[in-house]
Each structure stands twice: as C-alpha cells, then as structure tokens.
Amino acid sequence: LIFSIILIICLRLAIYKYHWRYPKFLGGTN
C-alpha cells in the first residue's frame, strides 16, 4: 500500500513537471 501511494504521487508530480501527455496519434492535444 505504501509503495503504491509513493508511486502514484511520483507519477503525478512527473506528469506535471515534464508535461507528459498522450502522443497525437492517440488523441493527444496541446
């Protein structure tokens, strides 16, 4: 449970920091 909590927080922070999105061919927009 603790590992999963840390993993989710790290992934969300990484998405905010590096602006990860779906690629355009999968429907990603800007």
PDB file of all heavy atoms in Angstrom:
ATOM      1  N   LEU A   1       0.831  -1.203   0.000  1.00  0.00           N
ATOM      2  CA  LEU A   1       0.000   0.000   0.000  1.00  0.00           C
ATOM      3  C   LEU A   1       0.867   1.256   0.000  1.00  0.00           C
ATOM      4  O   LEU A   1       0.631   2.200  -0.767  1.00  0.00           O
ATOM      5  CB  LEU A   1      -0.936  -0.003   1.214  1.00  0.00           C
ATOM      6  CG  LEU A   1      -2.096  -1.009   1.162  1.00  0.00           C
ATOM      7  CD1 LEU A   1      -2.730  -1.158   2.548  1.00  0.00           C
ATOM      8  CD2 LEU A   1      -3.149  -0.567   0.159  1.00  0.00           C
ATOM      9  N   ILE A   2       1.898   1.256   0.855  1.00  0.00           N
ATOM     10  CA  ILE A   2       2.776   2.426   0.955  1.00  0.00           C
ATOM     11  C   ILE A   2       3.525   2.651  -0.351  1.00  0.00           C
ATOM     12  O   ILE A   2       3.621   3.785  -0.845  1.00  0.00           O
ATOM     13  CB  ILE A   2       3.767   2.246   2.132  1.00  0.00           C
ATOM     14  CG1 ILE A   2       3.011   2.270   3.468  1.00  0.00           C
ATOM     15  CG2 ILE A   2       4.839   3.335   2.104  1.00  0.00           C
ATOM     16  CD1 ILE A   2       3.855   1.864   4.656  1.00  0.00           C
ATOM     17  N   PHE A   3       4.048   1.569  -0.939  1.00  0.00           N
ATOM     18  CA  PHE A   3       4.771   1.696  -2.209  1.00  0.00           C
ATOM     19  C   PHE A   3       3.856   2.252  -3.300  1.00  0.00           C
ATOM     20  O   PHE A   3       4.272   3.122  -4.086  1.00  0.00           O
ATOM     21  CB  PHE A   3       5.332   0.341  -2.633  1.00  0.00           C
ATOM     22  CG  PHE A   3       5.995   0.369  -3.990  1.00  0.00           C
ATOM     23  CD1 PHE A   3       7.281   0.853  -4.130  1.00  0.00           C
ATOM     24  CD2 PHE A   3       5.320  -0.078  -5.120  1.00  0.00           C
ATOM     25  CE1 PHE A   3       7.896   0.888  -5.377  1.00  0.00           C
ATOM     26  CE2 PHE A   3       5.909  -0.046  -6.369  1.00  0.00           C
ATOM     27  CZ  PHE A   3       7.209   0.438  -6.501  1.00  0.00           C
ATOM     28  N   SER A   4       2.625   1.769  -3.357  1.00  0.00           N
ATOM     29  CA  SER A   4       1.684   2.236  -4.382  1.00  0.00           C
ATOM     30  C   SER A   4       1.346   3.707  -4.199  1.00  0.00           C
ATOM     31  O   SER A   4       1.221   4.456  -5.180  1.00  0.00           O
ATOM     32  CB  SER A   4       0.410   1.387  -4.345  1.00  0.00           C
ATOM     33  OG  SER A   4       0.700   0.032  -4.594  1.00  0.00           O
ATOM     34  N   ILE A   5       1.215   4.138  -2.954  1.00  0.00           N
ATOM     35  CA  ILE A   5       0.949   5.558  -2.674  1.00  0.00           C
ATOM     36  C   ILE A   5       2.105   6.424  -3.174  1.00  0.00           C
ATOM     37  O   ILE A   5       1.890   7.440  -3.855  1.00  0.00           O
ATOM     38  CB  ILE A   5       0.725   5.765  -1.160  1.00  0.00           C
ATOM     39  CG1 ILE A   5      -0.625   5.166  -0.734  1.00  0.00           C
ATOM     40  CG2 ILE A   5       0.780   7.252  -0.795  1.00  0.00           C
ATOM     41  CD1 ILE A   5      -0.841   5.155   0.758  1.00  0.00           C
ATOM     42  N   ILE A   6       3.335   6.005  -2.838  1.00  0.00           N
ATOM     43  CA  ILE A   6       4.515   6.775  -3.258  1.00  0.00           C
ATOM     44  C   ILE A   6       4.625   6.802  -4.786  1.00  0.00           C
ATOM     45  O   ILE A   6       4.928   7.840  -5.386  1.00  0.00           O
ATOM     46  CB  ILE A   6       5.792   6.178  -2.630  1.00  0.00           C
ATOM     47  CG1 ILE A   6       5.749   6.348  -1.099  1.00  0.00           C
ATOM     48  CG2 ILE A   6       7.041   6.839  -3.208  1.00  0.00           C
ATOM     49  CD1 ILE A   6       6.863   5.620  -0.381  1.00  0.00           C
ATOM     50  N   LEU A   7       4.348   5.653  -5.415  1.00  0.00           N
ATOM     51  CA  LEU A   7       4.436   5.570  -6.870  1.00  0.00           C
ATOM     52  C   LEU A   7       3.450   6.528  -7.540  1.00  0.00           C
ATOM     53  O   LEU A   7       3.815   7.252  -8.487  1.00  0.00           O
ATOM     54  CB  LEU A   7       4.152   4.134  -7.322  1.00  0.00           C
ATOM     55  CG  LEU A   7       4.103   3.900  -8.831  1.00  0.00           C
ATOM     56  CD1 LEU A   7       5.465   4.180  -9.462  1.00  0.00           C
ATOM     57  CD2 LEU A   7       3.660   2.472  -9.151  1.00  0.00           C
ATOM     58  N   ILE A   8       2.228   6.557  -7.055  1.00  0.00           N
ATOM     59  CA  ILE A   8       1.211   7.430  -7.653  1.00  0.00           C
ATOM     60  C   ILE A   8       1.600   8.901  -7.503  1.00  0.00           C
ATOM     61  O   ILE A   8       1.496   9.689  -8.456  1.00  0.00           O
ATOM     62  CB  ILE A   8      -0.175   7.160  -7.011  1.00  0.00           C
ATOM     63  CG1 ILE A   8      -0.683   5.783  -7.431  1.00  0.00           C
ATOM     64  CG2 ILE A   8      -1.183   8.229  -7.436  1.00  0.00           C
ATOM     65  CD1 ILE A   8      -1.956   5.362  -6.735  1.00  0.00           C
ATOM     66  N   ILE A   9       2.075   9.275  -6.317  1.00  0.00           N
ATOM     67  CA  ILE A   9       2.484  10.667  -6.098  1.00  0.00           C
ATOM     68  C   ILE A   9       3.634  11.042  -7.031  1.00  0.00           C
ATOM     69  O   ILE A   9       3.617  12.109  -7.660  1.00  0.00           O
ATOM     70  CB  ILE A   9       2.899  10.880  -4.623  1.00  0.00           C
ATOM     71  CG1 ILE A   9       1.671  10.786  -3.707  1.00  0.00           C
ATOM     72  CG2 ILE A   9       3.584  12.241  -4.443  1.00  0.00           C
ATOM     73  CD1 ILE A   9       2.008  10.852  -2.230  1.00  0.00           C
ATOM     74  N   CYS A  10       4.619  10.134  -7.156  1.00  0.00           N
ATOM     75  CA  CYS A  10       5.768  10.415  -8.018  1.00  0.00           C
ATOM     76  C   CYS A  10       5.349  10.549  -9.485  1.00  0.00           C
ATOM     77  O   CYS A  10       5.831  11.447 -10.200  1.00  0.00           O
ATOM     78  CB  CYS A  10       6.820   9.318  -7.870  1.00  0.00           C
ATOM     79  SG  CYS A  10       7.655   9.310  -6.266  1.00  0.00           S
ATOM     80  N   LEU A  11       4.457   9.686  -9.929  1.00  0.00           N
ATOM     81  CA  LEU A  11       3.995   9.757 -11.319  1.00  0.00           C
ATOM     82  C   LEU A  11       3.223  11.046 -11.585  1.00  0.00           C
ATOM     83  O   LEU A  11       3.414  11.692 -12.627  1.00  0.00           O
ATOM     84  CB  LEU A  11       3.117   8.538 -11.642  1.00  0.00           C
ATOM     85  CG  LEU A  11       3.846   7.198 -11.817  1.00  0.00           C
ATOM     86  CD1 LEU A  11       2.840   6.066 -12.018  1.00  0.00           C
ATOM     87  CD2 LEU A  11       4.825   7.249 -12.993  1.00  0.00           C
ATOM     88  N   ARG A  12       2.370  11.439 -10.644  1.00  0.00           N
ATOM     89  CA  ARG A  12       1.614  12.675 -10.837  1.00  0.00           C
ATOM     90  C   ARG A  12       2.526  13.891 -10.866  1.00  0.00           C
ATOM     91  O   ARG A  12       2.356  14.812 -11.681  1.00  0.00           O
ATOM     92  CB  ARG A  12       0.572  12.836  -9.714  1.00  0.00           C
ATOM     93  CG  ARG A  12      -0.645  11.917  -9.789  1.00  0.00           C
ATOM     94  CD  ARG A  12      -1.477  12.129 -11.054  1.00  0.00           C
ATOM     95  NE  ARG A  12      -1.774  13.517 -11.320  1.00  0.00           N
ATOM     96  CZ  ARG A  12      -2.783  14.188 -10.756  1.00  0.00           C
ATOM     97  NH1 ARG A  12      -3.582  13.575  -9.899  1.00  0.00           N
ATOM     98  NH2 ARG A  12      -2.987  15.457 -11.049  1.00  0.00           N
ATOM     99  N   LEU A  13       3.524  13.909  -9.997  1.00  0.00           N
ATOM    100  CA  LEU A  13       4.482  15.017  -9.992  1.00  0.00           C
ATOM    101  C   LEU A  13       5.283  15.053 -11.284  1.00  0.00           C
ATOM    102  O   LEU A  13       5.531  16.135 -11.846  1.00  0.00           O
ATOM    103  CB  LEU A  13       5.418  14.897  -8.782  1.00  0.00           C
ATOM    104  CG  LEU A  13       4.794  15.173  -7.412  1.00  0.00           C
ATOM    105  CD1 LEU A  13       5.785  14.834  -6.298  1.00  0.00           C
ATOM    106  CD2 LEU A  13       4.364  16.644  -7.300  1.00  0.00           C
ATOM    107  N   ALA A  14       5.687  13.876 -11.757  1.00  0.00           N
ATOM    108  CA  ALA A  14       6.456  13.812 -13.009  1.00  0.00           C
ATOM    109  C   ALA A  14       5.614  14.291 -14.193  1.00  0.00           C
ATOM    110  O   ALA A  14       6.118  14.989 -15.084  1.00  0.00           O
ATOM    111  CB  ALA A  14       6.940  12.384 -13.242  1.00  0.00           C
ATOM    112  N   ILE A  15       4.331  13.963 -14.192  1.00  0.00           N
ATOM    113  CA  ILE A  15       3.441  14.398 -15.276  1.00  0.00           C
ATOM    114  C   ILE A  15       3.307  15.921 -15.284  1.00  0.00           C
ATOM    115  O   ILE A  15       3.323  16.560 -16.338  1.00  0.00           O
ATOM    116  CB  ILE A  15       2.055  13.722 -15.123  1.00  0.00           C
ATOM    117  CG1 ILE A  15       2.172  12.228 -15.467  1.00  0.00           C
ATOM    118  CG2 ILE A  15       1.010  14.392 -16.022  1.00  0.00           C
ATOM    119  CD1 ILE A  15       0.955  11.416 -15.103  1.00  0.00           C
ATOM    120  N   TYR A  16       3.186  16.517 -14.092  1.00  0.00           N
ATOM    121  CA  TYR A  16       3.113  17.981 -14.002  1.00  0.00           C
ATOM    122  C   TYR A  16       4.423  18.636 -14.439  1.00  0.00           C
ATOM    123  O   TYR A  16       4.430  19.630 -15.154  1.00  0.00           O
ATOM    124  CB  TYR A  16       2.782  18.393 -12.562  1.00  0.00           C
ATOM    125  CG  TYR A  16       1.305  18.530 -12.297  1.00  0.00           C
ATOM    126  CD1 TYR A  16       0.646  17.656 -11.440  1.00  0.00           C
ATOM    127  CD2 TYR A  16       0.558  19.558 -12.891  1.00  0.00           C
ATOM    128  CE1 TYR A  16      -0.707  17.780 -11.190  1.00  0.00           C
ATOM    129  CE2 TYR A  16      -0.796  19.687 -12.642  1.00  0.00           C
ATOM    130  CZ  TYR A  16      -1.429  18.802 -11.794  1.00  0.00           C
ATOM    131  OH  TYR A  16      -2.768  18.924 -11.558  1.00  0.00           O
ATOM    132  N   LYS A  17       5.521  18.039 -13.996  1.00  0.00           N
ATOM    133  CA  LYS A  17       6.819  18.671 -14.262  1.00  0.00           C
ATOM    134  C   LYS A  17       7.227  18.548 -15.729  1.00  0.00           C
ATOM    135  O   LYS A  17       7.723  19.519 -16.323  1.00  0.00           O
ATOM    136  CB  LYS A  17       7.893  18.035 -13.377  1.00  0.00           C
ATOM    137  CG  LYS A  17       9.265  18.664 -13.548  1.00  0.00           C
ATOM    138  CD  LYS A  17      10.267  18.085 -12.554  1.00  0.00           C
ATOM    139  CE  LYS A  17      11.633  18.748 -12.715  1.00  0.00           C
ATOM    140  NZ  LYS A  17      12.624  18.207 -11.745  1.00  0.00           N
ATOM    141  N   TYR A  18       7.035  17.368 -16.312  1.00  0.00           N
ATOM    142  CA  TYR A  18       7.516  17.131 -17.673  1.00  0.00           C
ATOM    143  C   TYR A  18       6.409  17.214 -18.722  1.00  0.00           C
ATOM    144  O   TYR A  18       6.669  16.979 -19.907  1.00  0.00           O
ATOM    145  CB  TYR A  18       8.197  15.761 -17.742  1.00  0.00           C
ATOM    146  CG  TYR A  18       9.391  15.648 -16.827  1.00  0.00           C
ATOM    147  CD1 TYR A  18       9.340  14.862 -15.677  1.00  0.00           C
ATOM    148  CD2 TYR A  18      10.570  16.351 -17.094  1.00  0.00           C
ATOM    149  CE1 TYR A  18      10.436  14.760 -14.820  1.00  0.00           C
ATOM    150  CE2 TYR A  18      11.669  16.251 -16.248  1.00  0.00           C
ATOM    151  CZ  TYR A  18      11.587  15.460 -15.105  1.00  0.00           C
ATOM    152  OH  TYR A  18      12.670  15.376 -14.261  1.00  0.00           O
ATOM    153  N   HIS A  19       5.192  17.534 -18.274  1.00  0.00           N
ATOM    154  CA  HIS A  19       4.051  17.725 -19.183  1.00  0.00           C
ATOM    155  C   HIS A  19       3.819  16.504 -20.082  1.00  0.00           C
ATOM    156  O   HIS A  19       3.618  16.620 -21.284  1.00  0.00           O
ATOM    157  CB  HIS A  19       4.268  18.974 -20.066  1.00  0.00           C
ATOM    158  CG  HIS A  19       4.518  20.208 -19.271  1.00  0.00           C
ATOM    159  ND1 HIS A  19       3.568  20.832 -18.502  1.00  0.00           N
ATOM    160  CD2 HIS A  19       5.671  20.929 -19.098  1.00  0.00           C
ATOM    161  CE1 HIS A  19       4.091  21.881 -17.904  1.00  0.00           C
ATOM    162  NE2 HIS A  19       5.378  21.965 -18.236  1.00  0.00           N
ATOM    163  N   TRP A  20       3.857  15.332 -19.453  1.00  0.00           N
ATOM    164  CA  TRP A  20       3.611  14.103 -20.213  1.00  0.00           C
ATOM    165  C   TRP A  20       2.166  14.062 -20.679  1.00  0.00           C
ATOM    166  O   TRP A  20       1.231  14.362 -19.924  1.00  0.00           O
ATOM    167  CB  TRP A  20       3.900  12.873 -19.354  1.00  0.00           C
ATOM    168  CG  TRP A  20       5.355  12.680 -19.052  1.00  0.00           C
ATOM    169  CD1 TRP A  20       6.418  13.267 -19.672  1.00  0.00           C
ATOM    170  CD2 TRP A  20       5.890  11.841 -18.031  1.00  0.00           C
ATOM    171  NE1 TRP A  20       7.597  12.848 -19.115  1.00  0.00           N
ATOM    172  CE2 TRP A  20       7.306  11.957 -18.092  1.00  0.00           C
ATOM    173  CE3 TRP A  20       5.357  11.003 -17.072  1.00  0.00           C
ATOM    174  CZ2 TRP A  20       8.151  11.274 -17.240  1.00  0.00           C
ATOM    175  CZ3 TRP A  20       6.190  10.304 -16.218  1.00  0.00           C
ATOM    176  CH2 TRP A  20       7.579  10.445 -16.305  1.00  0.00           C
ATOM    177  N   ARG A  21       1.980  13.704 -21.932  1.00  0.00           N
ATOM    178  CA  ARG A  21       0.643  13.593 -22.497  1.00  0.00           C
ATOM    179  C   ARG A  21       0.606  12.421 -23.473  1.00  0.00           C
ATOM    180  O   ARG A  21       1.647  11.847 -23.809  1.00  0.00           O
ATOM    181  CB  ARG A  21       0.254  14.882 -23.248  1.00  0.00           C
ATOM    182  CG  ARG A  21       0.317  16.146 -22.408  1.00  0.00           C
ATOM    183  CD  ARG A  21      -0.060  17.364 -23.257  1.00  0.00           C
ATOM    184  NE  ARG A  21      -1.424  17.246 -23.765  1.00  0.00           N
ATOM    185  CZ  ARG A  21      -2.495  17.579 -23.046  1.00  0.00           C
ATOM    186  NH1 ARG A  21      -2.362  18.040 -21.814  1.00  0.00           N
ATOM    187  NH2 ARG A  21      -3.695  17.460 -23.564  1.00  0.00           N
ATOM    188  N   TYR A  22      -0.587  12.089 -23.920  1.00  0.00           N
ATOM    189  CA  TYR A  22      -0.711  11.088 -24.970  1.00  0.00           C
ATOM    190  C   TYR A  22      -0.103  11.654 -26.255  1.00  0.00           C
ATOM    191  O   TYR A  22      -0.228  12.853 -26.539  1.00  0.00           O
ATOM    192  CB  TYR A  22      -2.179  10.765 -25.233  1.00  0.00           C
ATOM    193  CG  TYR A  22      -2.744   9.687 -24.331  1.00  0.00           C
ATOM    194  CD1 TYR A  22      -3.516  10.019 -23.218  1.00  0.00           C
ATOM    195  CD2 TYR A  22      -2.531   8.344 -24.615  1.00  0.00           C
ATOM    196  CE1 TYR A  22      -4.043   9.045 -22.403  1.00  0.00           C
ATOM    197  CE2 TYR A  22      -3.060   7.356 -23.797  1.00  0.00           C
ATOM    198  CZ  TYR A  22      -3.812   7.700 -22.690  1.00  0.00           C
ATOM    199  OH  TYR A  22      -4.321   6.735 -21.877  1.00  0.00           O
ATOM    200  N   PRO A  23       0.531  10.807 -27.060  1.00  0.00           N
ATOM    201  CA  PRO A  23       1.005  11.290 -28.368  1.00  0.00           C
ATOM    202  C   PRO A  23      -0.190  11.634 -29.264  1.00  0.00           C
ATOM    203  O   PRO A  23      -1.306  11.151 -29.047  1.00  0.00           O
ATOM    204  CB  PRO A  23       1.778  10.083 -28.933  1.00  0.00           C
ATOM    205  CG  PRO A  23       1.260   8.899 -28.182  1.00  0.00           C
ATOM    206  CD  PRO A  23       0.879   9.390 -26.829  1.00  0.00           C
ATOM    207  N   LYS A  24       0.049  12.488 -30.250  1.00  0.00           N
ATOM    208  CA  LYS A  24      -1.046  12.982 -31.083  1.00  0.00           C
ATOM    209  C   LYS A  24      -1.788  11.871 -31.820  1.00  0.00           C
ATOM    210  O   LYS A  24      -3.005  11.939 -32.001  1.00  0.00           O
ATOM    211  CB  LYS A  24      -0.510  13.998 -32.098  1.00  0.00           C
ATOM    212  CG  LYS A  24      -0.111  15.324 -31.471  1.00  0.00           C
ATOM    213  CD  LYS A  24       0.295  16.337 -32.533  1.00  0.00           C
ATOM    214  CE  LYS A  24       0.650  17.664 -31.887  1.00  0.00           C
ATOM    215  NZ  LYS A  24       1.019  18.674 -32.911  1.00  0.00           N
ATOM    216  N   PHE A  25      -1.067  10.812 -32.220  1.00  0.00           N
ATOM    217  CA  PHE A  25      -1.755   9.748 -32.961  1.00  0.00           C
ATOM    218  C   PHE A  25      -2.711   8.942 -32.070  1.00  0.00           C
ATOM    219  O   PHE A  25      -3.530   8.177 -32.554  1.00  0.00           O
ATOM    220  CB  PHE A  25      -0.737   8.819 -33.636  1.00  0.00           C
ATOM    221  CG  PHE A  25       0.021   7.923 -32.688  1.00  0.00           C
ATOM    222  CD1 PHE A  25      -0.465   6.660 -32.363  1.00  0.00           C
ATOM    223  CD2 PHE A  25       1.219   8.343 -32.140  1.00  0.00           C
ATOM    224  CE1 PHE A  25       0.236   5.841 -31.504  1.00  0.00           C
ATOM    225  CE2 PHE A  25       1.923   7.515 -31.283  1.00  0.00           C
ATOM    226  CZ  PHE A  25       1.437   6.262 -30.950  1.00  0.00           C
ATOM    227  N   LEU A  26      -2.610   9.163 -30.730  1.00  0.00           N
ATOM    228  CA  LEU A  26      -3.553   8.533 -29.803  1.00  0.00           C
ATOM    229  C   LEU A  26      -4.568   9.530 -29.247  1.00  0.00           C
ATOM    230  O   LEU A  26      -5.253   9.252 -28.272  1.00  0.00           O
ATOM    231  CB  LEU A  26      -2.795   7.875 -28.633  1.00  0.00           C
ATOM    232  CG  LEU A  26      -2.009   6.608 -28.982  1.00  0.00           C
ATOM    233  CD1 LEU A  26      -1.247   6.103 -27.755  1.00  0.00           C
ATOM    234  CD2 LEU A  26      -2.934   5.516 -29.508  1.00  0.00           C
ATOM    235  N   GLY A  27      -4.605  10.698 -29.843  1.00  0.00           N
ATOM    236  CA  GLY A  27      -5.617  11.671 -29.423  1.00  0.00           C
ATOM    237  C   GLY A  27      -5.103  12.773 -28.543  1.00  0.00           C
ATOM    238  O   GLY A  27      -5.883  13.551 -27.989  1.00  0.00           O
ATOM    239  N   GLY A  28      -3.787  12.862 -28.365  1.00  0.00           N
ATOM    240  CA  GLY A  28      -3.237  13.900 -27.523  1.00  0.00           C
ATOM    241  C   GLY A  28      -3.383  15.282 -28.158  1.00  0.00           C
ATOM    242  O   GLY A  28      -3.320  15.438 -29.374  1.00  0.00           O
ATOM    243  N   THR A  29      -3.602  16.311 -27.317  1.00  0.00           N
ATOM    244  CA  THR A  29      -3.689  17.705 -27.775  1.00  0.00           C
ATOM    245  C   THR A  29      -2.703  18.528 -26.983  1.00  0.00           C
ATOM    246  O   THR A  29      -2.033  18.043 -26.076  1.00  0.00           O
ATOM    247  CB  THR A  29      -5.114  18.259 -27.567  1.00  0.00           C
ATOM    248  OG1 THR A  29      -5.396  18.302 -26.170  1.00  0.00           O
ATOM    249  CG2 THR A  29      -6.144  17.402 -28.266  1.00  0.00           C
ATOM    250  N   ASN A  30      -2.640  19.799 -27.297  1.00  0.00           N
ATOM    251  CA  ASN A  30      -1.699  20.677 -26.605  1.00  0.00           C
ATOM    252  C   ASN A  30      -2.321  21.439 -25.453  1.00  0.00           C
ATOM    253  O   ASN A  30      -1.658  22.220 -24.802  1.00  0.00           O
ATOM    254  CB  ASN A  30      -1.099  21.677 -27.596  1.00  0.00           C
ATOM    255  CG  ASN A  30      -0.228  20.980 -28.618  1.00  0.00           C
ATOM    256  OD1 ASN A  30       0.469  20.022 -28.285  1.00  0.00           O
ATOM    257  ND2 ASN A  30      -0.286  21.452 -29.868  1.00  0.00           N
TER     258      ASN A  30
END
